[in-house]
Amino acid sequence: MAGKVKLTAKDKEAIAREKERDDADLEEQRRREEFYQLFQSSPVFAQLDAALKQDRVFHAYLFHGPRGSLKEEAAQLFAASIMTGSRGLLKESEADEETKTAVSQIYRGDHSDFIFLNGGRKEAIKKEEVDEIQRRFSMTASAALGRKVYLISHAENSSIGAMNGLLKFLEEPADNVYAILTADNPERILPTIRSRCMLVPFQPLGKEVLRELCIREGLDEEDVRFISNLAFSVREISEIASGRSYQTAKKMLKQYLNAEGSRDLLFVDYEYRYRSKTDKEAGEGIRYKDARDENLDTLNMFFSLLVMTFRDALKNDASEPAWYHKAVNQLRSDADFIRVCTERMNIAASARDRVNRNNDLSLLFAQAVAQLEEVSND
């Protein structure tokens, strides 16, 4: 009887990584199935499904609509459906194993016939990145079905050079090469590009549907209640909720509303407790840029939460959590609360719009807090 093979530490690490990847794939498959069920009720679903069933897929599409309108998820589903030769939008749970493997490769970015270019970032998409799509597709042999797809999300965040390169690609489309672009602001894309795409409009999810999806994903109900006023997708809400800037902004909101701490000490606490310190100030090796970015995000979220609070007071929409419900009702107890909340909401919105790299954030915060207090004394 042969003895057991002893696994090395490297073998164990490889097995652990493989299991982690398999678990991640299963979780992503579950999310895709939930999205599919949600998307089926959309008019866009019927349009894309019919194009696949009738084999009338256009060579270029522009999915456009506000953030949180599911266009990114729909674009990935459409790309996978095109590449796997699905007759209709692909229902992954009913696919064979070969198709499921191909779909996993597409979503992981491991498929040679699929290129994903993410423009949802601070820097613009460069011409070289668009040129690389053409170079790769011209050099690689296609898989069995011979269909290649490139997906560019947030395509409006492209340099002029990148747009001109993309335009040339669209003007001379190769056989069996399909382009899918997504954009929050399609008017920022060259009209000549838009004219060469099939335009597919998307509508945002209702806030209640979005909140239900977030809670189903296991996100904290309190965070979902607040962040759904700042973000428009489950993934974005999840990322914000786990970030330090949001958690700090929520603490500042509680203090402003006297739910946790004193409003009178808010500016002092901002300077000594809430504001991220640079490496010179804190001696902790925090880079100036990182501290600055975090402070920008924190103040932006704080003022956005204040706008939400005053709006809720005006609309008498003070739901859970209990501390927030109590604080909003306290605002409404003022005999002149309509004027006070309206003016404070405008001050908070103006301060939020002025949060940028060109302003002294501490001074801006101090001025806004003082202006908010002056309203109740008018």
Protein backbone atom coordinates (compact mmCIF):
# COMPACT_ATOMS: atom_id res chain seq x y z
CA MET A 1 0.00 0.00 0.00
CA ALA A 2 1.48 3.25 -1.09
CA GLY A 3 2.04 5.82 1.61
CA LYS A 4 0.30 9.16 1.62
CA VAL A 5 1.95 11.91 -0.34
CA LYS A 6 3.16 14.59 2.01
CA LEU A 7 2.19 18.05 0.87
CA THR A 8 4.75 20.78 1.03
CA ALA A 9 3.93 24.25 2.35
CA LYS A 10 3.90 25.49 -1.25
CA ASP A 11 1.41 22.77 -2.23
CA LYS A 12 -0.86 23.70 0.65
CA GLU A 13 -0.73 27.36 -0.32
CA ALA A 14 -1.63 26.50 -3.92
CA ILE A 15 -4.58 24.37 -2.76
CA ALA A 16 -5.75 27.17 -0.45
CA ARG A 17 -5.55 29.72 -3.27
CA GLU A 18 -7.48 27.41 -5.59
CA LYS A 19 -10.21 26.94 -2.98
CA GLU A 20 -10.37 30.67 -2.36
CA ARG A 21 -10.77 31.30 -6.08
CA ASP A 22 -13.48 28.61 -6.38
CA ASP A 23 -15.36 30.12 -3.42
CA ALA A 24 -15.10 33.58 -4.98
CA ASP A 25 -16.38 32.21 -8.30
CA LEU A 26 -19.39 30.63 -6.58
CA GLU A 27 -20.19 33.88 -4.79
CA GLU A 28 -19.95 35.82 -8.04
CA GLN A 29 -22.18 33.28 -9.77
CA ARG A 30 -24.78 33.75 -7.01
CA ARG A 31 -24.69 37.53 -7.50
CA ARG A 32 -24.99 37.15 -11.26
CA GLU A 33 -28.04 34.93 -10.82
CA GLU A 34 -29.67 37.53 -8.54
CA PHE A 35 -28.91 40.24 -11.08
CA TYR A 36 -30.39 38.15 -13.89
CA GLN A 37 -33.66 37.73 -11.98
CA LEU A 38 -33.80 41.45 -11.26
CA PHE A 39 -32.88 42.44 -14.83
CA GLN A 40 -35.52 40.23 -16.46
CA SER A 41 -38.25 42.77 -15.69
CA SER A 42 -36.40 45.56 -17.53
CA PRO A 43 -37.43 46.60 -21.08
CA VAL A 44 -33.73 46.58 -21.95
CA PHE A 45 -33.61 42.85 -21.18
CA ALA A 46 -36.19 42.17 -23.88
CA GLN A 47 -34.29 44.33 -26.41
CA LEU A 48 -30.94 42.59 -25.88
CA ASP A 49 -32.51 39.15 -25.59
CA ALA A 50 -34.27 39.60 -28.94
CA ALA A 51 -31.06 40.77 -30.66
CA LEU A 52 -29.33 37.56 -29.60
CA LYS A 53 -32.23 35.28 -30.49
CA GLN A 54 -32.62 36.84 -33.92
CA ASP A 55 -28.84 36.92 -34.52
CA ARG A 56 -29.03 40.67 -35.08
CA VAL A 57 -26.33 41.87 -32.70
CA PHE A 58 -24.94 45.27 -33.73
CA HIS A 59 -21.17 45.72 -33.83
CA ALA A 60 -21.15 48.50 -31.19
CA TYR A 61 -23.38 49.43 -28.25
CA LEU A 62 -23.45 52.34 -25.84
CA PHE A 63 -25.24 51.52 -22.57
CA HIS A 64 -25.99 54.83 -20.88
CA GLY A 65 -27.83 55.97 -17.79
CA PRO A 66 -27.23 57.26 -14.26
CA ARG A 67 -25.06 55.46 -11.74
CA GLY A 68 -26.74 52.44 -10.24
CA SER A 69 -28.86 51.69 -13.31
CA LEU A 70 -27.30 48.20 -13.69
CA LYS A 71 -25.77 49.02 -17.07
CA GLU A 72 -22.33 47.73 -16.04
CA GLU A 73 -23.74 44.36 -14.99
CA ALA A 74 -25.91 44.21 -18.11
CA ALA A 75 -22.90 44.96 -20.30
CA GLN A 76 -20.96 42.04 -18.81
CA LEU A 77 -23.93 39.70 -19.23
CA PHE A 78 -24.40 40.79 -22.85
CA ALA A 79 -20.68 40.32 -23.56
CA ALA A 80 -20.73 36.81 -22.09
CA SER A 81 -23.87 35.96 -24.08
CA ILE A 82 -22.28 37.12 -27.34
CA MET A 83 -19.05 35.25 -26.76
CA THR A 84 -20.68 31.95 -25.75
CA GLY A 85 -23.11 32.01 -28.68
CA SER A 86 -26.14 32.04 -26.42
CA ARG A 87 -29.53 32.23 -28.13
CA GLY A 88 -30.85 34.93 -25.86
CA LEU A 89 -29.31 36.46 -22.75
CA LEU A 90 -27.34 33.74 -21.04
CA LYS A 91 -28.92 32.13 -17.98
CA GLU A 92 -25.82 30.76 -16.36
CA SER A 93 -27.59 28.28 -14.07
CA GLU A 94 -28.95 26.46 -17.14
CA ALA A 95 -25.67 26.44 -19.11
CA ASP A 96 -23.44 23.41 -19.66
CA GLU A 97 -20.11 23.09 -17.85
CA GLU A 98 -18.05 24.27 -20.82
CA THR A 99 -20.10 27.46 -21.06
CA LYS A 100 -19.91 28.03 -17.30
CA THR A 101 -16.13 27.73 -17.46
CA ALA A 102 -15.97 30.26 -20.30
CA VAL A 103 -18.24 32.65 -18.39
CA SER A 104 -16.03 32.43 -15.28
CA GLN A 105 -13.00 33.22 -17.44
CA ILE A 106 -14.77 36.23 -18.96
CA TYR A 107 -15.75 37.68 -15.59
CA ARG A 108 -12.28 37.08 -14.16
CA GLY A 109 -10.66 38.69 -17.20
CA ASP A 110 -8.87 35.45 -18.15
CA HIS A 111 -10.50 34.93 -21.55
CA SER A 112 -8.26 35.79 -24.52
CA ASP A 113 -11.23 36.98 -26.62
CA PHE A 114 -12.54 39.43 -24.01
CA ILE A 115 -10.95 42.72 -22.99
CA PHE A 116 -12.30 44.87 -20.16
CA LEU A 117 -11.10 48.46 -19.85
CA ASN A 118 -12.30 50.18 -16.70
CA GLY A 119 -12.62 53.94 -17.00
CA GLY A 120 -14.09 54.32 -13.51
CA ARG A 121 -10.95 55.86 -12.07
CA LYS A 122 -9.36 59.26 -11.50
CA GLU A 123 -7.06 59.27 -14.53
CA ALA A 124 -8.49 59.29 -18.06
CA ILE A 125 -8.32 56.31 -20.40
CA LYS A 126 -5.23 56.76 -22.57
CA LYS A 127 -4.89 56.36 -26.34
CA GLU A 128 -2.30 53.64 -25.75
CA GLU A 129 -4.88 51.54 -23.88
CA VAL A 130 -7.32 51.70 -26.79
CA ASP A 131 -4.52 50.93 -29.24
CA GLU A 132 -3.63 47.90 -27.11
CA ILE A 133 -7.14 46.48 -27.61
CA GLN A 134 -6.66 46.59 -31.37
CA ARG A 135 -3.15 45.16 -31.14
CA ARG A 136 -4.22 42.23 -28.95
CA PHE A 137 -7.23 41.34 -31.06
CA SER A 138 -5.17 41.48 -34.24
CA MET A 139 -2.50 39.14 -32.85
CA THR A 140 -4.50 36.50 -30.97
CA ALA A 141 -6.36 33.65 -32.58
CA SER A 142 -10.03 33.42 -31.63
CA ALA A 143 -11.52 30.62 -29.57
CA ALA A 144 -14.04 28.16 -31.03
CA LEU A 145 -16.82 30.63 -31.88
CA GLY A 146 -14.47 33.30 -33.20
CA ARG A 147 -16.23 36.17 -31.40
CA LYS A 148 -14.26 38.89 -29.64
CA VAL A 149 -15.71 41.53 -27.34
CA TYR A 150 -14.19 44.58 -25.71
CA LEU A 151 -16.05 46.34 -22.92
CA ILE A 152 -15.10 49.90 -21.92
CA SER A 153 -16.86 51.09 -18.79
CA HIS A 154 -17.19 54.83 -18.06
CA ALA A 155 -16.11 55.47 -21.64
CA GLU A 156 -16.70 59.21 -21.19
CA ASN A 157 -13.60 59.24 -18.98
CA SER A 158 -11.34 58.99 -22.04
CA SER A 159 -8.75 61.39 -23.37
CA ILE A 160 -9.34 62.96 -26.78
CA GLY A 161 -6.60 60.75 -28.17
CA ALA A 162 -8.31 57.64 -26.77
CA MET A 163 -11.66 58.69 -28.24
CA ASN A 164 -10.14 59.31 -31.64
CA GLY A 165 -8.46 55.91 -31.52
CA LEU A 166 -11.75 54.29 -30.55
CA LEU A 167 -13.54 56.14 -33.34
CA LYS A 168 -11.14 54.71 -35.89
CA PHE A 169 -11.73 51.22 -34.48
CA LEU A 170 -15.51 51.71 -34.77
CA GLU A 171 -15.30 53.16 -38.28
CA GLU A 172 -13.58 50.02 -39.55
CA PRO A 173 -15.14 47.22 -37.48
CA ALA A 174 -13.56 43.82 -37.93
CA ASP A 175 -15.74 40.76 -38.46
CA ASN A 176 -16.93 39.17 -35.23
CA VAL A 177 -15.51 41.96 -33.05
CA TYR A 178 -18.07 43.68 -30.84
CA ALA A 179 -17.75 46.83 -28.76
CA ILE A 180 -19.80 47.58 -25.62
CA LEU A 181 -19.35 50.99 -24.02
CA THR A 182 -21.00 52.25 -20.86
CA ALA A 183 -21.36 55.85 -19.74
CA ASP A 184 -23.03 57.84 -16.98
CA ASN A 185 -22.71 60.98 -19.11
CA PRO A 186 -22.97 60.03 -22.81
CA GLU A 187 -22.93 63.68 -23.87
CA ARG A 188 -19.23 63.73 -22.94
CA ILE A 189 -18.50 61.11 -25.63
CA LEU A 190 -17.73 62.32 -29.14
CA PRO A 191 -20.94 62.57 -31.23
CA THR A 192 -19.19 60.62 -33.98
CA ILE A 193 -18.69 57.72 -31.58
CA ARG A 194 -22.28 57.85 -30.35
CA SER A 195 -23.56 57.83 -33.93
CA ARG A 196 -21.75 54.55 -34.60
CA CYS A 197 -23.24 52.80 -31.57
CA MET A 198 -26.63 51.33 -30.81
CA LEU A 199 -27.79 53.50 -27.89
CA VAL A 200 -29.37 51.58 -25.01
CA PRO A 201 -30.82 53.74 -22.19
CA PHE A 202 -30.95 52.46 -18.59
CA GLN A 203 -33.03 53.70 -15.67
CA PRO A 204 -31.82 53.74 -12.03
CA LEU A 205 -33.02 51.20 -9.51
CA GLY A 206 -35.69 52.40 -7.10
CA LYS A 207 -34.18 53.27 -3.72
CA GLU A 208 -36.22 50.64 -1.89
CA VAL A 209 -35.11 47.92 -4.32
CA LEU A 210 -31.49 49.00 -3.89
CA ARG A 211 -31.75 48.94 -0.11
CA GLU A 212 -33.33 45.48 -0.17
CA LEU A 213 -30.49 44.16 -2.34
CA CYS A 214 -27.88 45.67 0.01
CA ILE A 215 -29.47 44.14 3.09
CA ARG A 216 -29.65 40.79 1.28
CA GLU A 217 -25.90 41.12 0.77
CA GLY A 218 -25.49 41.40 4.54
CA LEU A 219 -24.76 45.13 4.76
CA ASP A 220 -25.67 47.01 7.92
CA GLU A 221 -29.20 48.47 7.69
CA GLU A 222 -28.16 51.79 9.23
CA ASP A 223 -25.34 52.23 6.74
CA VAL A 224 -27.58 51.23 3.83
CA ARG A 225 -30.19 53.76 4.93
CA PHE A 226 -27.64 56.59 4.80
CA ILE A 227 -25.34 55.58 1.94
CA SER A 228 -28.19 54.86 -0.47
CA ASN A 229 -28.51 58.65 -0.58
CA LEU A 230 -24.86 58.93 -1.67
CA ALA A 231 -24.36 55.92 -3.95
CA PHE A 232 -26.40 54.01 -6.47
CA SER A 233 -25.17 50.41 -6.60
CA VAL A 234 -24.72 47.57 -4.13
CA ARG A 235 -20.99 47.35 -4.81
CA GLU A 236 -20.47 51.10 -4.37
CA ILE A 237 -22.49 51.17 -1.14
CA SER A 238 -20.49 48.23 0.19
CA GLU A 239 -17.18 49.95 -0.61
CA ILE A 240 -18.25 53.22 1.02
CA ALA A 241 -19.57 51.47 4.14
CA SER A 242 -16.24 49.74 4.73
CA GLY A 243 -14.27 52.96 4.30
CA ARG A 244 -12.94 55.11 7.11
CA SER A 245 -14.19 58.36 5.57
CA TYR A 246 -17.84 57.34 5.76
CA GLN A 247 -17.57 55.99 9.30
CA THR A 248 -15.92 59.25 10.39
CA ALA A 249 -18.58 61.33 8.61
CA LYS A 250 -21.32 59.38 10.39
CA LYS A 251 -19.69 60.05 13.77
CA MET A 252 -19.55 63.74 12.89
CA LEU A 253 -23.24 63.69 11.94
CA LYS A 254 -24.14 62.09 15.27
CA GLN A 255 -22.17 64.77 17.08
CA TYR A 256 -23.76 67.56 15.07
CA LEU A 257 -27.20 66.20 15.97
CA ASN A 258 -26.15 65.85 19.64
CA ALA A 259 -26.86 62.13 19.42
CA GLU A 260 -23.31 61.27 20.44
CA GLY A 261 -21.16 64.07 21.82
CA SER A 262 -21.76 67.81 21.79
CA ARG A 263 -22.29 69.94 18.71
CA ASP A 264 -20.46 72.78 20.46
CA LEU A 265 -17.24 70.76 20.36
CA LEU A 266 -17.59 69.56 16.78
CA PHE A 267 -14.97 71.84 15.24
CA VAL A 268 -12.44 71.10 17.99
CA ASP A 269 -13.09 67.38 17.64
CA TYR A 270 -12.77 67.64 13.87
CA GLU A 271 -9.27 69.05 14.25
CA TYR A 272 -8.10 66.60 16.92
CA ARG A 273 -10.17 63.43 16.39
CA TYR A 274 -11.67 63.29 12.91
CA ARG A 275 -9.27 64.98 10.53
CA SER A 276 -6.57 62.68 9.09
CA LYS A 277 -3.12 64.04 9.87
CA THR A 278 -0.26 64.13 7.38
CA ASP A 279 3.08 62.49 8.11
CA LYS A 280 4.54 65.76 9.38
CA GLU A 281 1.62 66.35 11.72
CA ALA A 282 1.16 62.83 13.05
CA GLY A 283 4.57 61.26 12.69
CA GLU A 284 2.85 58.08 11.53
CA GLY A 285 4.09 57.95 7.96
CA ILE A 286 0.71 58.94 6.46
CA ARG A 287 1.34 60.39 3.04
CA TYR A 288 0.08 63.93 2.49
CA LYS A 289 -1.93 62.89 -0.60
CA ASP A 290 -3.64 60.00 1.25
CA ALA A 291 -4.55 62.19 4.22
CA ARG A 292 -5.80 64.93 1.91
CA ASP A 293 -7.95 62.50 -0.12
CA GLU A 294 -9.43 61.02 3.04
CA ASN A 295 -10.29 64.45 4.44
CA LEU A 296 -11.90 65.45 1.14
CA ASP A 297 -14.06 62.31 1.18
CA THR A 298 -14.96 62.73 4.86
CA LEU A 299 -16.16 66.32 4.51
CA ASN A 300 -17.97 65.58 1.26
CA MET A 301 -19.88 62.76 2.96
CA PHE A 302 -20.53 64.76 6.13
CA PHE A 303 -22.10 67.66 4.26
CA SER A 304 -24.05 65.21 2.06
CA LEU A 305 -25.41 63.52 5.21
CA LEU A 306 -26.39 66.93 6.57
CA VAL A 307 -28.27 67.76 3.35
CA MET A 308 -30.08 64.42 3.71
CA THR A 309 -30.94 65.17 7.36
CA PHE A 310 -32.45 68.59 6.71
CA ARG A 311 -34.32 67.24 3.67
CA ASP A 312 -35.75 64.40 5.77
CA ALA A 313 -36.88 66.94 8.38
CA LEU A 314 -38.67 68.98 5.71
CA LYS A 315 -40.30 65.85 4.25
CA ASN A 316 -41.07 64.38 7.68
CA ASP A 317 -39.27 61.23 6.59
CA ALA A 318 -37.46 60.30 9.79
CA SER A 319 -37.21 56.53 9.76
CA GLU A 320 -34.82 54.27 11.63
CA PRO A 321 -32.30 54.21 13.27
CA ALA A 322 -33.80 55.42 16.54
CA TRP A 323 -31.16 58.08 17.24
CA TYR A 324 -31.70 59.60 13.79
CA HIS A 325 -35.49 59.47 14.13
CA LYS A 326 -35.23 61.33 17.45
CA ALA A 327 -32.81 63.94 16.08
CA VAL A 328 -34.92 64.72 13.00
CA ASN A 329 -38.05 65.05 15.11
CA GLN A 330 -36.13 67.44 17.35
CA LEU A 331 -35.36 69.60 14.31
CA ARG A 332 -39.05 69.63 13.41
CA SER A 333 -40.03 70.76 16.91
CA ASP A 334 -38.75 74.27 16.11
CA ALA A 335 -41.72 76.50 15.31
CA ASP A 336 -39.77 77.96 12.38
CA PHE A 337 -38.25 74.62 11.26
CA ILE A 338 -39.15 75.01 7.57
CA ARG A 339 -37.08 78.17 7.21
CA VAL A 340 -34.28 76.91 9.46
CA CYS A 341 -33.95 73.51 7.75
CA THR A 342 -34.18 75.00 4.26
CA GLU A 343 -31.42 77.53 4.96
CA ARG A 344 -29.23 74.95 6.69
CA MET A 345 -29.71 72.50 3.82
CA ASN A 346 -28.57 75.17 1.36
CA ILE A 347 -25.52 76.00 3.50
CA ALA A 348 -24.55 72.31 3.72
CA ALA A 349 -25.03 71.81 -0.03
CA SER A 350 -22.91 74.89 -0.79
CA ALA A 351 -20.15 73.70 1.56
CA ARG A 352 -20.20 70.24 -0.03
CA ASP A 353 -19.77 71.81 -3.46
CA ARG A 354 -16.76 73.76 -2.24
CA VAL A 355 -14.92 70.72 -0.87
CA ASN A 356 -11.97 70.45 -3.23
CA ARG A 357 -8.20 70.50 -3.32
CA ASN A 358 -8.05 74.26 -3.72
CA ASN A 359 -9.69 75.08 -0.40
CA ASP A 360 -8.40 75.06 3.15
CA LEU A 361 -10.64 72.27 4.45
CA SER A 362 -10.36 73.21 8.12
CA LEU A 363 -11.32 76.81 7.36
CA LEU A 364 -14.16 75.71 5.08
CA PHE A 365 -15.49 73.40 7.80
CA ALA A 366 -15.26 76.09 10.50
CA GLN A 367 -17.09 78.62 8.30
CA ALA A 368 -19.85 76.14 7.43
CA VAL A 369 -20.42 75.16 11.07
CA ALA A 370 -20.60 78.84 12.06
CA GLN A 371 -23.06 79.61 9.26
CA LEU A 372 -25.25 76.66 10.28
CA GLU A 373 -25.40 77.99 13.84
CA GLU A 374 -26.18 81.52 12.74
CA VAL A 375 -29.38 80.37 11.04
CA SER A 376 -31.11 79.45 14.28
CA ASN A 377 -30.25 82.87 15.73
CA ASP A 378 -31.83 84.89 12.90
